[in-house]
C-alpha atoms as a PDB file:
ATOM      1  CA  UNK A   1       5.790  98.799 -17.917  1.00  0.00           C
ATOM      2  CA  UNK A   2       7.625  95.567 -18.551  1.00  0.00           C
ATOM      3  CA  UNK A   3       9.504  93.900 -15.747  1.00  0.00           C
ATOM      4  CA  UNK A   4      12.604  92.031 -16.654  1.00  0.00           C
ATOM      5  CA  UNK A   5      13.102  88.684 -15.045  1.00  0.00           C
ATOM      6  CA  UNK A   6      16.675  88.034 -13.954  1.00  0.00           C
ATOM      7  CA  UNK A   7      18.173  84.610 -14.569  1.00  0.00           C
ATOM      8  CA  UNK A   8      18.636  82.440 -11.483  1.00  0.00           C
ATOM      9  CA  UNK A   9      22.126  80.976 -11.183  1.00  0.00           C
ATOM     10  CA  UNK A  10      23.281  78.410  -8.661  1.00  0.00           C
ATOM     11  CA  UNK A  11      26.561  77.687  -6.978  1.00  0.00           C
ATOM     12  CA  UNK A  12      26.926  73.995  -7.851  1.00  0.00           C
ATOM     13  CA  UNK A  13      27.039  72.758  -4.248  1.00  0.00           C
ATOM     14  CA  UNK A  14      23.974  74.851  -3.346  1.00  0.00           C
ATOM     15  CA  UNK A  15      22.012  73.173  -6.150  1.00  0.00           C
ATOM     16  CA  UNK A  16      23.162  69.757  -4.968  1.00  0.00           C
ATOM     17  CA  UNK A  17      22.032  70.599  -1.425  1.00  0.00           C
ATOM     18  CA  UNK A  18      18.721  71.991  -2.716  1.00  0.00           C
ATOM     19  CA  UNK A  19      17.966  68.775  -4.587  1.00  0.00           C
ATOM     20  CA  UNK A  20      17.891  66.898  -1.261  1.00  0.00           C
ATOM     21  CA  UNK A  21      14.885  68.944  -0.077  1.00  0.00           C
ATOM     22  CA  UNK A  22      11.434  67.278  -0.245  1.00  0.00           C
ATOM     23  CA  UNK A  23       9.668  68.108  -3.514  1.00  0.00           C
ATOM     24  CA  UNK A  24       7.033  70.310  -1.857  1.00  0.00           C
ATOM     25  CA  UNK A  25       9.697  72.374  -0.088  1.00  0.00           C
ATOM     26  CA  UNK A  26      11.624  72.746  -3.362  1.00  0.00           C
ATOM     27  CA  UNK A  27       8.611  74.037  -5.265  1.00  0.00           C
ATOM     28  CA  UNK A  28       7.751  76.611  -2.563  1.00  0.00           C
ATOM     29  CA  UNK A  29      11.380  77.833  -2.506  1.00  0.00           C
ATOM     30  CA  UNK A  30      11.504  77.978  -6.315  1.00  0.00           C
ATOM     31  CA  UNK A  31       8.346  80.090  -6.325  1.00  0.00           C
ATOM     32  CA  UNK A  32      10.006  82.498  -3.852  1.00  0.00           C
ATOM     33  CA  UNK A  33      13.143  82.621  -6.055  1.00  0.00           C
ATOM     34  CA  UNK A  34      10.965  83.366  -9.094  1.00  0.00           C
ATOM     35  CA  UNK A  35       9.404  86.322  -7.258  1.00  0.00           C
ATOM     36  CA  UNK A  36      12.955  87.561  -6.506  1.00  0.00           C
ATOM     37  CA  UNK A  37      13.948  87.114 -10.160  1.00  0.00           C
ATOM     38  CA  UNK A  38      10.979  89.291 -11.113  1.00  0.00           C
ATOM     39  CA  UNK A  39      12.167  92.028  -8.766  1.00  0.00           C
ATOM     40  CA  UNK A  40       9.920  91.272  -5.810  1.00  0.00           C
ATOM     41  CA  UNK A  41      10.361  89.645  -2.423  1.00  0.00           C
ATOM     42  CA  UNK A  42       8.358  86.642  -1.255  1.00  0.00           C
ATOM     43  CA  UNK A  43       6.755  86.679   2.190  1.00  0.00           C
ATOM     44  CA  UNK A  44       9.069  83.862   3.291  1.00  0.00           C
ATOM     45  CA  UNK A  45      12.210  85.759   2.228  1.00  0.00           C
ATOM     46  CA  UNK A  46      13.978  88.174   4.550  1.00  0.00           C
ATOM     47  CA  UNK A  47      17.250  90.106   4.394  1.00  0.00           C
ATOM     48  CA  UNK A  48      20.187  88.276   5.973  1.00  0.00           C
ATOM     49  CA  UNK A  49      21.774  90.729   8.348  1.00  0.00           C
ATOM     50  CA  UNK A  50      25.515  90.864   8.900  1.00  0.00           C
ATOM     51  CA  UNK A  51      26.468  89.430   5.508  1.00  0.00           C
ATOM     52  CA  UNK A  52      26.061  92.438   3.260  1.00  0.00           C
ATOM     53  CA  UNK A  53      23.262  94.153   1.420  1.00  0.00           C
ATOM     54  CA  UNK A  54      21.311  92.273  -1.197  1.00  0.00           C
ATOM     55  CA  UNK A  55      21.599  88.877   0.501  1.00  0.00           C
ATOM     56  CA  UNK A  56      18.297  87.228   1.407  1.00  0.00           C
ATOM     57  CA  UNK A  57      17.244  84.051   3.150  1.00  0.00           C
ATOM     58  CA  UNK A  58      14.152  82.058   2.281  1.00  0.00           C
ATOM     59  CA  UNK A  59      12.993  80.472   5.530  1.00  0.00           C
ATOM     60  CA  UNK A  60      10.508  77.662   5.123  1.00  0.00           C
ATOM     61  CA  UNK A  61       8.953  75.452   7.764  1.00  0.00           C
ATOM     62  CA  UNK A  62       7.800  72.333   5.937  1.00  0.00           C
ATOM     63  CA  UNK A  63       6.452  69.085   7.402  1.00  0.00           C
ATOM     64  CA  UNK A  64       8.338  69.466  10.653  1.00  0.00           C
ATOM     65  CA  UNK A  65      11.573  70.504   8.928  1.00  0.00           C
ATOM     66  CA  UNK A  66      13.163  73.918   8.558  1.00  0.00           C
ATOM     67  CA  UNK A  67      14.602  74.640   5.126  1.00  0.00           C
ATOM     68  CA  UNK A  68      16.724  77.621   4.135  1.00  0.00           C
ATOM     69  CA  UNK A  69      17.812  78.977   0.761  1.00  0.00           C
ATOM     70  CA  UNK A  70      20.212  81.923   0.685  1.00  0.00           C
ATOM     71  CA  UNK A  71      20.455  84.092  -2.417  1.00  0.00           C
ATOM     72  CA  UNK A  72      22.097  87.328  -3.515  1.00  0.00           C
ATOM     73  CA  UNK A  73      20.347  89.866  -5.731  1.00  0.00           C
ATOM     74  CA  UNK A  74      23.157  92.339  -6.359  1.00  0.00           C
ATOM     75  CA  UNK A  75      25.749  90.169  -8.104  1.00  0.00           C
ATOM     76  CA  UNK A  76      26.113  90.688 -11.855  1.00  0.00           C
ATOM     77  CA  UNK A  77      22.826  90.342 -13.741  1.00  0.00           C
ATOM     78  CA  UNK A  78      21.643  87.143 -12.074  1.00  0.00           C
ATOM     79  CA  UNK A  79      20.043  86.120  -8.826  1.00  0.00           C
ATOM     80  CA  UNK A  80      22.674  83.836  -7.279  1.00  0.00           C
ATOM     81  CA  UNK A  81      21.682  80.991  -4.990  1.00  0.00           C
ATOM     82  CA  UNK A  82      24.599  80.696  -2.587  1.00  0.00           C
ATOM     83  CA  UNK A  83      23.473  78.071  -0.103  1.00  0.00           C
ATOM     84  CA  UNK A  84      20.611  75.696   0.641  1.00  0.00           C
ATOM     85  CA  UNK A  85      20.344  73.685   3.823  1.00  0.00           C
ATOM     86  CA  UNK A  86      17.981  71.988   6.194  1.00  0.00           C
ATOM     87  CA  UNK A  87      18.237  73.617   9.567  1.00  0.00           C
ATOM     88  CA  UNK A  88      18.520  70.966  12.216  1.00  0.00           C
ATOM     89  CA  UNK A  89      19.696  73.087  15.111  1.00  0.00           C
ATOM     90  CA  UNK A  90      17.823  73.606  18.310  1.00  0.00           C
ATOM     91  CA  UNK A  91      19.125  77.174  18.599  1.00  0.00           C
ATOM     92  CA  UNK A  92      15.769  78.725  17.768  1.00  0.00           C
ATOM     93  CA  UNK A  93      15.536  80.843  14.647  1.00  0.00           C
ATOM     94  CA  UNK A  94      19.172  81.853  14.614  1.00  0.00           C
ATOM     95  CA  UNK A  95      21.194  80.578  11.652  1.00  0.00           C
ATOM     96  CA  UNK A  96      24.093  78.445  12.966  1.00  0.00           C
ATOM     97  CA  UNK A  97      27.528  80.099  12.773  1.00  0.00           C
ATOM     98  CA  UNK A  98      28.976  77.368  10.551  1.00  0.00           C
ATOM     99  CA  UNK A  99      26.255  78.106   7.972  1.00  0.00           C
ATOM    100  CA  UNK A 100      26.945  81.866   8.177  1.00  0.00           C
ATOM    101  CA  UNK A 101      30.678  81.203   7.676  1.00  0.00           C
ATOM    102  CA  UNK A 102      29.927  78.992   4.674  1.00  0.00           C
ATOM    103  CA  UNK A 103      27.640  81.627   3.139  1.00  0.00           C
ATOM    104  CA  UNK A 104      30.223  84.393   3.709  1.00  0.00           C
ATOM    105  CA  UNK A 105      32.978  82.282   2.152  1.00  0.00           C
ATOM    106  CA  UNK A 106      30.899  81.281  -0.890  1.00  0.00           C
ATOM    107  CA  UNK A 107      29.786  84.870  -1.422  1.00  0.00           C
ATOM    108  CA  UNK A 108      33.367  86.119  -1.310  1.00  0.00           C
ATOM    109  CA  UNK A 109      34.559  83.483  -3.785  1.00  0.00           C
ATOM    110  CA  UNK A 110      31.610  84.107  -6.093  1.00  0.00           C
ATOM    111  CA  UNK A 111      32.268  87.866  -6.140  1.00  0.00           C
ATOM    112  CA  UNK A 112      35.907  87.182  -7.060  1.00  0.00           C
ATOM    113  CA  UNK A 113      34.890  84.757  -9.816  1.00  0.00           C
ATOM    114  CA  UNK A 114      32.438  87.249 -11.323  1.00  0.00           C
ATOM    115  CA  UNK A 115      34.901  90.152 -11.554  1.00  0.00           C
END
């Protein structure tokens, strides 16, 4: 049985944000995205509730920082990276509302662009 690897596409601003992560954090997140592209789910990835099915969040604690990469698996043929950010909030594990709003908005615009 051959597994097909999906291409990983990036919303331009998400890639720009991702490039600000420390190199070690980037490589761990890229490994998790590769697992997703191969049809799996990394241990550090979990479904993002309240945004729609097929949207996942990679949550990485790295050297005292909290890094997040949000991707969608059910858009066109690609895995789409929608958002990447360093979580600086003191609100526990909850994703800040402004980040949720940004993800929702980017997802909506991406869906429209892909139709």
